Amino acid sequence: AATIGTSPWDERTKKQRRVVGSLTTGPAIQKLRPMLDLETFSMVSGIYNDSQNGRIGIVPHIYQKRLALNIMMMFCYGTRFESITDPLLLQILEDASTIAR
């Protein structure tokens, strides 16, 4: 079976690349700007607040992962995770980590 890295450049792959290319143009990114602003603000404010205004050290990876997942979720499904403690968010990230290993 072919993997992502070895799959042939069939019509489906070419179509997917065209779609991704059309969604990453300057005008397309401008249309996504409100969503990107919301997620960036959510990440930075979450880190700031949860670190008690920078007084305690925290590991920011969960915030970065939530940002990436939320962008995909908003883009595809119109929903997002508000909290880094959401059980579904944590399960999705755990499953993704397991698959990546």
N, C-alpha and C. Protein backbone atom coordinates (compact mmCIF):
# COMPACT_ATOMS: atom_id res chain seq x y z
N ALA A 1 0.85 -1.19 0.00
CA ALA A 1 0.00 0.00 0.00
C ALA A 1 0.88 1.24 0.00
N ALA A 2 0.45 2.22 -0.74
CA ALA A 2 1.20 3.48 -0.82
C ALA A 2 0.96 4.31 0.43
N THR A 3 1.97 5.00 0.88
CA THR A 3 1.82 5.93 1.99
C THR A 3 1.70 7.33 1.42
N ILE A 4 1.47 8.29 2.28
CA ILE A 4 1.34 9.68 1.81
C ILE A 4 2.60 10.10 1.06
N GLY A 5 3.75 9.72 1.59
CA GLY A 5 5.00 10.12 0.96
C GLY A 5 5.31 9.42 -0.33
N THR A 6 4.68 8.28 -0.59
CA THR A 6 5.00 7.53 -1.81
C THR A 6 3.82 7.40 -2.75
N SER A 7 2.70 8.06 -2.42
CA SER A 7 1.52 7.91 -3.29
C SER A 7 1.78 8.53 -4.66
N PRO A 8 1.26 7.91 -5.69
CA PRO A 8 1.45 8.45 -7.04
C PRO A 8 0.67 9.74 -7.21
N TRP A 9 1.09 10.54 -8.18
CA TRP A 9 0.41 11.80 -8.44
C TRP A 9 -0.80 11.53 -9.33
N ASP A 10 -1.81 10.92 -8.74
CA ASP A 10 -3.02 10.64 -9.51
C ASP A 10 -3.90 11.90 -9.55
N GLU A 11 -5.04 11.80 -10.20
CA GLU A 11 -5.92 12.96 -10.34
C GLU A 11 -6.43 13.46 -8.99
N ARG A 12 -6.71 12.55 -8.07
CA ARG A 12 -7.19 12.95 -6.75
C ARG A 12 -6.14 13.79 -6.02
N THR A 13 -4.89 13.35 -6.06
CA THR A 13 -3.81 14.08 -5.41
C THR A 13 -3.63 15.45 -6.05
N LYS A 14 -3.68 15.51 -7.38
CA LYS A 14 -3.54 16.79 -8.07
C LYS A 14 -4.67 17.74 -7.68
N LYS A 15 -5.89 17.21 -7.59
CA LYS A 15 -7.04 18.04 -7.20
C LYS A 15 -6.87 18.57 -5.78
N GLN A 16 -6.42 17.71 -4.87
CA GLN A 16 -6.21 18.13 -3.49
C GLN A 16 -5.17 19.25 -3.42
N ARG A 17 -4.11 19.13 -4.18
CA ARG A 17 -3.07 20.16 -4.19
C ARG A 17 -3.60 21.48 -4.76
N ARG A 18 -4.46 21.41 -5.78
CA ARG A 18 -5.07 22.62 -6.34
C ARG A 18 -5.97 23.30 -5.31
N VAL A 19 -6.75 22.50 -4.58
CA VAL A 19 -7.64 23.06 -3.55
C VAL A 19 -6.82 23.74 -2.46
N VAL A 20 -5.80 23.06 -1.98
CA VAL A 20 -4.95 23.65 -0.94
C VAL A 20 -4.29 24.92 -1.47
N GLY A 21 -3.82 24.89 -2.70
CA GLY A 21 -3.20 26.08 -3.29
C GLY A 21 -4.16 27.24 -3.37
N SER A 22 -5.42 26.98 -3.70
CA SER A 22 -6.40 28.06 -3.81
C SER A 22 -6.77 28.63 -2.44
N LEU A 23 -6.63 27.82 -1.40
CA LEU A 23 -6.98 28.27 -0.05
C LEU A 23 -5.83 28.99 0.65
N THR A 24 -4.66 28.98 0.05
CA THR A 24 -3.51 29.61 0.69
C THR A 24 -2.99 30.82 -0.09
N THR A 25 -3.83 31.38 -0.93
CA THR A 25 -3.46 32.62 -1.63
C THR A 25 -3.65 33.80 -0.69
N GLY A 26 -3.08 34.94 -1.05
CA GLY A 26 -3.23 36.14 -0.23
C GLY A 26 -4.69 36.51 0.04
N PRO A 27 -5.53 36.61 -1.01
CA PRO A 27 -6.93 36.95 -0.77
C PRO A 27 -7.67 35.91 0.10
N ALA A 28 -7.35 34.64 -0.08
CA ALA A 28 -8.01 33.60 0.72
C ALA A 28 -7.61 33.73 2.19
N ILE A 29 -6.34 34.01 2.45
CA ILE A 29 -5.87 34.19 3.82
C ILE A 29 -6.55 35.40 4.45
N GLN A 30 -6.74 36.48 3.67
CA GLN A 30 -7.43 37.67 4.20
C GLN A 30 -8.85 37.33 4.64
N LYS A 31 -9.53 36.45 3.91
CA LYS A 31 -10.88 36.05 4.29
C LYS A 31 -10.86 35.25 5.60
N LEU A 32 -9.78 34.55 5.86
CA LEU A 32 -9.65 33.74 7.07
C LEU A 32 -9.11 34.54 8.25
N ARG A 33 -8.75 35.78 8.00
CA ARG A 33 -8.10 36.59 9.03
C ARG A 33 -8.87 36.67 10.35
N PRO A 34 -10.19 36.89 10.35
CA PRO A 34 -10.90 36.93 11.64
C PRO A 34 -10.74 35.63 12.44
N MET A 35 -10.78 34.50 11.76
CA MET A 35 -10.61 33.22 12.44
C MET A 35 -9.18 33.09 12.98
N LEU A 36 -8.20 33.48 12.17
CA LEU A 36 -6.81 33.40 12.61
C LEU A 36 -6.56 34.35 13.78
N ASP A 37 -7.15 35.55 13.73
CA ASP A 37 -7.01 36.51 14.83
C ASP A 37 -7.62 35.95 16.12
N LEU A 38 -8.80 35.35 16.01
CA LEU A 38 -9.47 34.77 17.18
C LEU A 38 -8.61 33.68 17.80
N GLU A 39 -8.11 32.78 16.99
CA GLU A 39 -7.32 31.66 17.53
C GLU A 39 -5.99 32.13 18.10
N THR A 40 -5.35 33.08 17.45
CA THR A 40 -4.09 33.61 17.96
C THR A 40 -4.31 34.32 19.29
N PHE A 41 -5.36 35.15 19.36
CA PHE A 41 -5.68 35.84 20.60
C PHE A 41 -5.99 34.85 21.70
N SER A 42 -6.76 33.81 21.38
CA SER A 42 -7.12 32.80 22.36
C SER A 42 -5.89 32.09 22.90
N MET A 43 -4.94 31.78 22.01
CA MET A 43 -3.71 31.11 22.45
C MET A 43 -2.89 32.01 23.36
N VAL A 44 -2.65 33.24 22.93
CA VAL A 44 -1.80 34.15 23.70
C VAL A 44 -2.45 34.50 25.04
N SER A 45 -3.75 34.80 25.03
CA SER A 45 -4.41 35.16 26.29
C SER A 45 -4.49 33.95 27.22
N GLY A 46 -4.69 32.75 26.67
CA GLY A 46 -4.71 31.55 27.51
C GLY A 46 -3.37 31.33 28.19
N ILE A 47 -2.30 31.47 27.44
CA ILE A 47 -0.96 31.32 28.02
C ILE A 47 -0.73 32.37 29.09
N TYR A 48 -1.10 33.61 28.80
CA TYR A 48 -0.89 34.71 29.74
C TYR A 48 -1.70 34.50 31.02
N ASN A 49 -2.97 34.19 30.86
CA ASN A 49 -3.83 34.02 32.04
C ASN A 49 -3.45 32.78 32.85
N ASP A 50 -3.21 31.66 32.18
CA ASP A 50 -2.89 30.43 32.89
C ASP A 50 -1.51 30.47 33.55
N SER A 51 -0.65 31.35 33.08
CA SER A 51 0.66 31.51 33.71
C SER A 51 0.62 32.59 34.80
N GLN A 52 -0.60 32.97 35.15
CA GLN A 52 -0.83 34.02 36.16
C GLN A 52 -0.06 35.28 35.79
N ASN A 53 -0.38 35.75 34.59
CA ASN A 53 0.22 36.97 34.04
C ASN A 53 1.73 36.88 33.90
N GLY A 54 2.22 35.68 33.62
CA GLY A 54 3.64 35.46 33.38
C GLY A 54 4.45 35.18 34.63
N ARG A 55 3.78 35.02 35.76
CA ARG A 55 4.52 34.78 37.01
C ARG A 55 4.95 33.33 37.20
N ILE A 56 4.23 32.40 36.59
CA ILE A 56 4.63 30.99 36.72
C ILE A 56 4.89 30.41 35.34
N GLY A 57 5.78 29.47 35.27
CA GLY A 57 6.12 28.85 34.00
C GLY A 57 5.08 27.79 33.62
N ILE A 58 4.74 27.77 32.35
CA ILE A 58 3.86 26.73 31.84
C ILE A 58 4.45 26.21 30.54
N VAL A 59 3.98 25.06 30.12
CA VAL A 59 4.40 24.49 28.85
C VAL A 59 3.35 24.87 27.81
N PRO A 60 3.72 25.64 26.80
CA PRO A 60 2.71 26.19 25.87
C PRO A 60 2.24 25.23 24.78
N HIS A 61 2.78 24.02 24.72
CA HIS A 61 2.47 23.14 23.60
C HIS A 61 0.99 22.86 23.44
N ILE A 62 0.27 22.66 24.53
CA ILE A 62 -1.16 22.35 24.44
C ILE A 62 -1.92 23.52 23.81
N TYR A 63 -1.48 24.73 24.08
CA TYR A 63 -2.13 25.91 23.51
C TYR A 63 -1.87 25.98 22.00
N GLN A 64 -0.65 25.64 21.60
CA GLN A 64 -0.30 25.63 20.18
C GLN A 64 -1.06 24.53 19.44
N LYS A 65 -1.18 23.38 20.08
CA LYS A 65 -1.91 22.28 19.46
C LYS A 65 -3.39 22.62 19.32
N ARG A 66 -3.96 23.27 20.35
CA ARG A 66 -5.36 23.68 20.28
C ARG A 66 -5.54 24.69 19.14
N LEU A 67 -4.61 25.64 18.99
CA LEU A 67 -4.70 26.60 17.90
C LEU A 67 -4.76 25.89 16.56
N ALA A 68 -3.84 24.97 16.33
CA ALA A 68 -3.80 24.26 15.05
C ALA A 68 -5.07 23.45 14.82
N LEU A 69 -5.52 22.74 15.84
CA LEU A 69 -6.73 21.93 15.71
C LEU A 69 -7.95 22.82 15.53
N ASN A 70 -8.02 23.93 16.28
CA ASN A 70 -9.17 24.84 16.14
C ASN A 70 -9.25 25.46 14.76
N ILE A 71 -8.12 25.80 14.16
CA ILE A 71 -8.15 26.36 12.81
C ILE A 71 -8.75 25.34 11.85
N MET A 72 -8.31 24.10 11.97
CA MET A 72 -8.86 23.06 11.11
C MET A 72 -10.35 22.83 11.41
N MET A 73 -10.70 22.78 12.68
CA MET A 73 -12.10 22.55 13.06
C MET A 73 -13.01 23.69 12.59
N MET A 74 -12.56 24.93 12.74
CA MET A 74 -13.37 26.07 12.29
C MET A 74 -13.50 26.05 10.77
N PHE A 75 -12.43 25.76 10.10
CA PHE A 75 -12.42 25.75 8.64
C PHE A 75 -13.33 24.65 8.10
N CYS A 76 -13.27 23.47 8.69
CA CYS A 76 -14.02 22.33 8.16
C CYS A 76 -15.42 22.18 8.76
N TYR A 77 -15.57 22.49 10.04
CA TYR A 77 -16.82 22.16 10.73
C TYR A 77 -17.50 23.34 11.39
N GLY A 78 -16.86 24.51 11.45
CA GLY A 78 -17.48 25.68 12.05
C GLY A 78 -17.59 25.61 13.56
N THR A 79 -16.73 24.85 14.21
CA THR A 79 -16.74 24.74 15.66
C THR A 79 -15.31 24.77 16.17
N ARG A 80 -15.14 25.00 17.46
CA ARG A 80 -13.81 25.09 18.03
C ARG A 80 -13.84 24.66 19.49
N PHE A 81 -12.66 24.42 20.05
CA PHE A 81 -12.52 24.08 21.46
C PHE A 81 -12.18 25.35 22.24
N GLU A 82 -12.97 25.65 23.25
CA GLU A 82 -12.74 26.84 24.08
C GLU A 82 -11.62 26.63 25.10
N SER A 83 -11.58 25.43 25.65
CA SER A 83 -10.70 25.17 26.78
C SER A 83 -9.66 24.10 26.45
N ILE A 84 -8.46 24.28 27.02
CA ILE A 84 -7.43 23.25 26.84
C ILE A 84 -7.71 22.03 27.70
N THR A 85 -8.72 22.11 28.56
CA THR A 85 -9.07 20.97 29.40
C THR A 85 -10.28 20.20 28.87
N ASP A 86 -10.76 20.57 27.68
CA ASP A 86 -11.90 19.88 27.08
C ASP A 86 -11.52 18.41 26.86
N PRO A 87 -12.31 17.48 27.41
CA PRO A 87 -11.96 16.06 27.29
C PRO A 87 -11.84 15.59 25.84
N LEU A 88 -12.69 16.08 24.96
CA LEU A 88 -12.62 15.67 23.55
C LEU A 88 -11.33 16.18 22.91
N LEU A 89 -10.96 17.41 23.19
CA LEU A 89 -9.70 17.96 22.67
C LEU A 89 -8.53 17.09 23.14
N LEU A 90 -8.50 16.79 24.41
CA LEU A 90 -7.39 16.00 24.96
C LEU A 90 -7.36 14.60 24.34
N GLN A 91 -8.52 14.01 24.11
CA GLN A 91 -8.58 12.68 23.50
C GLN A 91 -8.08 12.73 22.06
N ILE A 92 -8.50 13.74 21.31
CA ILE A 92 -8.04 13.88 19.92
C ILE A 92 -6.53 14.05 19.86
N LEU A 93 -5.99 14.90 20.73
CA LEU A 93 -4.54 15.12 20.74
C LEU A 93 -3.78 13.86 21.17
N GLU A 94 -4.34 13.13 22.12
CA GLU A 94 -3.71 11.86 22.54
C GLU A 94 -3.72 10.85 21.40
N ASP A 95 -4.85 10.74 20.72
CA ASP A 95 -4.96 9.80 19.60
C ASP A 95 -4.00 10.19 18.47
N ALA A 96 -3.90 11.48 18.17
CA ALA A 96 -2.99 11.95 17.12
C ALA A 96 -1.54 11.63 17.50
N SER A 97 -1.21 11.80 18.76
CA SER A 97 0.15 11.49 19.23
C SER A 97 0.43 10.00 19.10
N THR A 98 -0.54 9.17 19.46
CA THR A 98 -0.39 7.72 19.35
C THR A 98 -0.18 7.31 17.89
N ILE A 99 -0.98 7.86 17.01
CA ILE A 99 -0.87 7.54 15.58
C ILE A 99 0.48 8.00 15.04
N ALA A 100 0.94 9.17 15.47
CA ALA A 100 2.22 9.71 14.98
C ALA A 100 3.40 8.85 15.43
N ARG A 101 3.27 8.21 16.58
CA ARG A 101 4.34 7.36 17.08
C ARG A 101 4.41 6.10 16.25
